[in-house]
């Protein structure tokens, strides 16, 4: 048995095994929002732990609200701004092929 059980169509584009074509409108919208949501929380978590270390090791008193305001929110909005046109373009290409 092959390592990849699902046969890929010839010429199909993939990134890390994830197909980049054939998405519907709802799927594209959900992938866009999920990628921005995940990025926001991942960057916020890393920023909170970075501020925790900064406060504990340096004796500072930086407010933890900065972690989502200046790190998580801009990162999430940046991913949203990049992912929305990307997934919209993929959806439009899928509609044209039908």
C-alpha atoms as a PDB file:
ATOM      1  CA  UNK A   1       0.000   0.000   0.000  1.00  0.00           C
ATOM      2  CA  UNK A   2       1.298   3.433  -0.884  1.00  0.00           C
ATOM      3  CA  UNK A   3       2.068   6.040   1.752  1.00  0.00           C
ATOM      4  CA  UNK A   4      -0.578   8.316   0.251  1.00  0.00           C
ATOM      5  CA  UNK A   5      -3.924   6.491   0.024  1.00  0.00           C
ATOM      6  CA  UNK A   6      -5.766   9.310  -1.719  1.00  0.00           C
ATOM      7  CA  UNK A   7      -4.605   9.626  -5.298  1.00  0.00           C
ATOM      8  CA  UNK A   8      -3.855  13.176  -6.351  1.00  0.00           C
ATOM      9  CA  UNK A   9      -5.050  14.414  -9.675  1.00  0.00           C
ATOM     10  CA  UNK A  10      -2.208  14.982 -12.119  1.00  0.00           C
ATOM     11  CA  UNK A  11      -1.053  18.582 -11.950  1.00  0.00           C
ATOM     12  CA  UNK A  12      -2.942  19.353  -8.742  1.00  0.00           C
ATOM     13  CA  UNK A  13      -1.207  21.931  -6.572  1.00  0.00           C
ATOM     14  CA  UNK A  14      -0.475  21.018  -2.958  1.00  0.00           C
ATOM     15  CA  UNK A  15       1.303  22.616  -0.035  1.00  0.00           C
ATOM     16  CA  UNK A  16       2.387  20.138   2.649  1.00  0.00           C
ATOM     17  CA  UNK A  17      -0.118  17.646   1.251  1.00  0.00           C
ATOM     18  CA  UNK A  18      -2.987  20.131   1.465  1.00  0.00           C
ATOM     19  CA  UNK A  19      -4.809  20.552  -1.868  1.00  0.00           C
ATOM     20  CA  UNK A  20      -5.084  24.108  -3.131  1.00  0.00           C
ATOM     21  CA  UNK A  21      -7.994  23.737  -5.501  1.00  0.00           C
ATOM     22  CA  UNK A  22     -11.624  22.776  -5.592  1.00  0.00           C
ATOM     23  CA  UNK A  23     -12.836  24.772  -2.596  1.00  0.00           C
ATOM     24  CA  UNK A  24     -16.403  25.997  -2.412  1.00  0.00           C
ATOM     25  CA  UNK A  25     -17.450  29.410  -1.151  1.00  0.00           C
ATOM     26  CA  UNK A  26     -18.183  28.291   2.409  1.00  0.00           C
ATOM     27  CA  UNK A  27     -14.988  26.234   2.604  1.00  0.00           C
ATOM     28  CA  UNK A  28     -12.904  29.179   1.411  1.00  0.00           C
ATOM     29  CA  UNK A  29     -14.548  31.480   3.933  1.00  0.00           C
ATOM     30  CA  UNK A  30     -14.038  29.024   6.788  1.00  0.00           C
ATOM     31  CA  UNK A  31     -10.389  28.436   5.876  1.00  0.00           C
ATOM     32  CA  UNK A  32      -9.792  32.187   5.745  1.00  0.00           C
ATOM     33  CA  UNK A  33     -11.350  32.804   9.143  1.00  0.00           C
ATOM     34  CA  UNK A  34      -9.752  29.731  10.722  1.00  0.00           C
ATOM     35  CA  UNK A  35      -6.265  30.702   9.578  1.00  0.00           C
ATOM     36  CA  UNK A  36      -6.655  34.240  10.968  1.00  0.00           C
ATOM     37  CA  UNK A  37      -8.201  32.906  14.202  1.00  0.00           C
ATOM     38  CA  UNK A  38      -5.394  30.371  14.709  1.00  0.00           C
ATOM     39  CA  UNK A  39      -2.710  32.967  13.987  1.00  0.00           C
ATOM     40  CA  UNK A  40      -4.239  35.450  16.423  1.00  0.00           C
ATOM     41  CA  UNK A  41      -4.283  32.952  19.282  1.00  0.00           C
ATOM     42  CA  UNK A  42      -0.891  31.422  18.518  1.00  0.00           C
ATOM     43  CA  UNK A  43       0.868  34.799  18.362  1.00  0.00           C
ATOM     44  CA  UNK A  44      -0.998  36.047  21.439  1.00  0.00           C
ATOM     45  CA  UNK A  45       0.055  32.970  23.407  1.00  0.00           C
ATOM     46  CA  UNK A  46       3.701  33.382  22.449  1.00  0.00           C
ATOM     47  CA  UNK A  47       3.536  37.105  23.280  1.00  0.00           C
ATOM     48  CA  UNK A  48       1.989  36.431  26.694  1.00  0.00           C
ATOM     49  CA  UNK A  49       4.771  34.010  27.585  1.00  0.00           C
ATOM     50  CA  UNK A  50       7.365  36.466  26.277  1.00  0.00           C
ATOM     51  CA  UNK A  51       5.891  39.230  28.463  1.00  0.00           C
ATOM     52  CA  UNK A  52       5.759  36.830  31.393  1.00  0.00           C
ATOM     53  CA  UNK A  53       9.476  36.181  31.036  1.00  0.00           C
ATOM     54  CA  UNK A  54      10.193  39.875  30.508  1.00  0.00           C
ATOM     55  CA  UNK A  55       8.236  40.829  33.631  1.00  0.00           C
ATOM     56  CA  UNK A  56       9.629  38.079  35.854  1.00  0.00           C
ATOM     57  CA  UNK A  57      13.261  38.162  34.798  1.00  0.00           C
ATOM     58  CA  UNK A  58      13.592  41.895  34.320  1.00  0.00           C
ATOM     59  CA  UNK A  59      11.414  43.138  37.141  1.00  0.00           C
ATOM     60  CA  UNK A  60       9.197  45.051  34.721  1.00  0.00           C
ATOM     61  CA  UNK A  61       5.440  45.554  34.958  1.00  0.00           C
ATOM     62  CA  UNK A  62       4.300  45.480  31.344  1.00  0.00           C
ATOM     63  CA  UNK A  63       0.537  44.992  30.936  1.00  0.00           C
ATOM     64  CA  UNK A  64      -0.412  41.660  29.322  1.00  0.00           C
ATOM     65  CA  UNK A  65      -3.091  43.375  27.226  1.00  0.00           C
ATOM     66  CA  UNK A  66      -0.268  44.513  24.959  1.00  0.00           C
ATOM     67  CA  UNK A  67       0.222  40.904  23.900  1.00  0.00           C
ATOM     68  CA  UNK A  68      -2.992  40.760  21.912  1.00  0.00           C
ATOM     69  CA  UNK A  69      -3.238  44.457  21.105  1.00  0.00           C
ATOM     70  CA  UNK A  70       0.229  44.866  19.587  1.00  0.00           C
ATOM     71  CA  UNK A  71       1.122  41.292  18.601  1.00  0.00           C
ATOM     72  CA  UNK A  72      -1.907  39.019  18.167  1.00  0.00           C
ATOM     73  CA  UNK A  73      -4.315  41.460  16.546  1.00  0.00           C
ATOM     74  CA  UNK A  74      -1.927  42.768  13.860  1.00  0.00           C
ATOM     75  CA  UNK A  75      -0.751  39.240  13.050  1.00  0.00           C
ATOM     76  CA  UNK A  76      -4.332  37.971  12.769  1.00  0.00           C
ATOM     77  CA  UNK A  77      -5.370  40.897  10.589  1.00  0.00           C
ATOM     78  CA  UNK A  78      -2.313  40.423   8.374  1.00  0.00           C
ATOM     79  CA  UNK A  79      -3.122  36.753   7.841  1.00  0.00           C
ATOM     80  CA  UNK A  80      -6.757  37.677   7.187  1.00  0.00           C
ATOM     81  CA  UNK A  81      -5.666  40.260   4.601  1.00  0.00           C
ATOM     82  CA  UNK A  82      -3.455  37.707   2.836  1.00  0.00           C
ATOM     83  CA  UNK A  83      -5.749  34.677   3.149  1.00  0.00           C
ATOM     84  CA  UNK A  84      -8.963  36.369   1.999  1.00  0.00           C
ATOM     85  CA  UNK A  85      -7.754  37.227  -1.531  1.00  0.00           C
ATOM     86  CA  UNK A  86      -5.886  33.919  -1.798  1.00  0.00           C
ATOM     87  CA  UNK A  87      -8.888  31.764  -0.971  1.00  0.00           C
ATOM     88  CA  UNK A  88     -11.192  34.012  -3.009  1.00  0.00           C
ATOM     89  CA  UNK A  89      -8.915  33.516  -6.009  1.00  0.00           C
ATOM     90  CA  UNK A  90      -8.888  29.755  -5.465  1.00  0.00           C
ATOM     91  CA  UNK A  91     -12.696  29.757  -5.241  1.00  0.00           C
ATOM     92  CA  UNK A  92     -13.027  31.798  -8.443  1.00  0.00           C
ATOM     93  CA  UNK A  93     -10.674  29.422 -10.269  1.00  0.00           C
ATOM     94  CA  UNK A  94     -12.715  26.448  -9.074  1.00  0.00           C
ATOM     95  CA  UNK A  95     -15.927  28.097 -10.314  1.00  0.00           C
ATOM     96  CA  UNK A  96     -14.415  28.754 -13.734  1.00  0.00           C
ATOM     97  CA  UNK A  97     -13.356  25.133 -14.199  1.00  0.00           C
ATOM     98  CA  UNK A  98     -16.891  23.840 -13.726  1.00  0.00           C
END
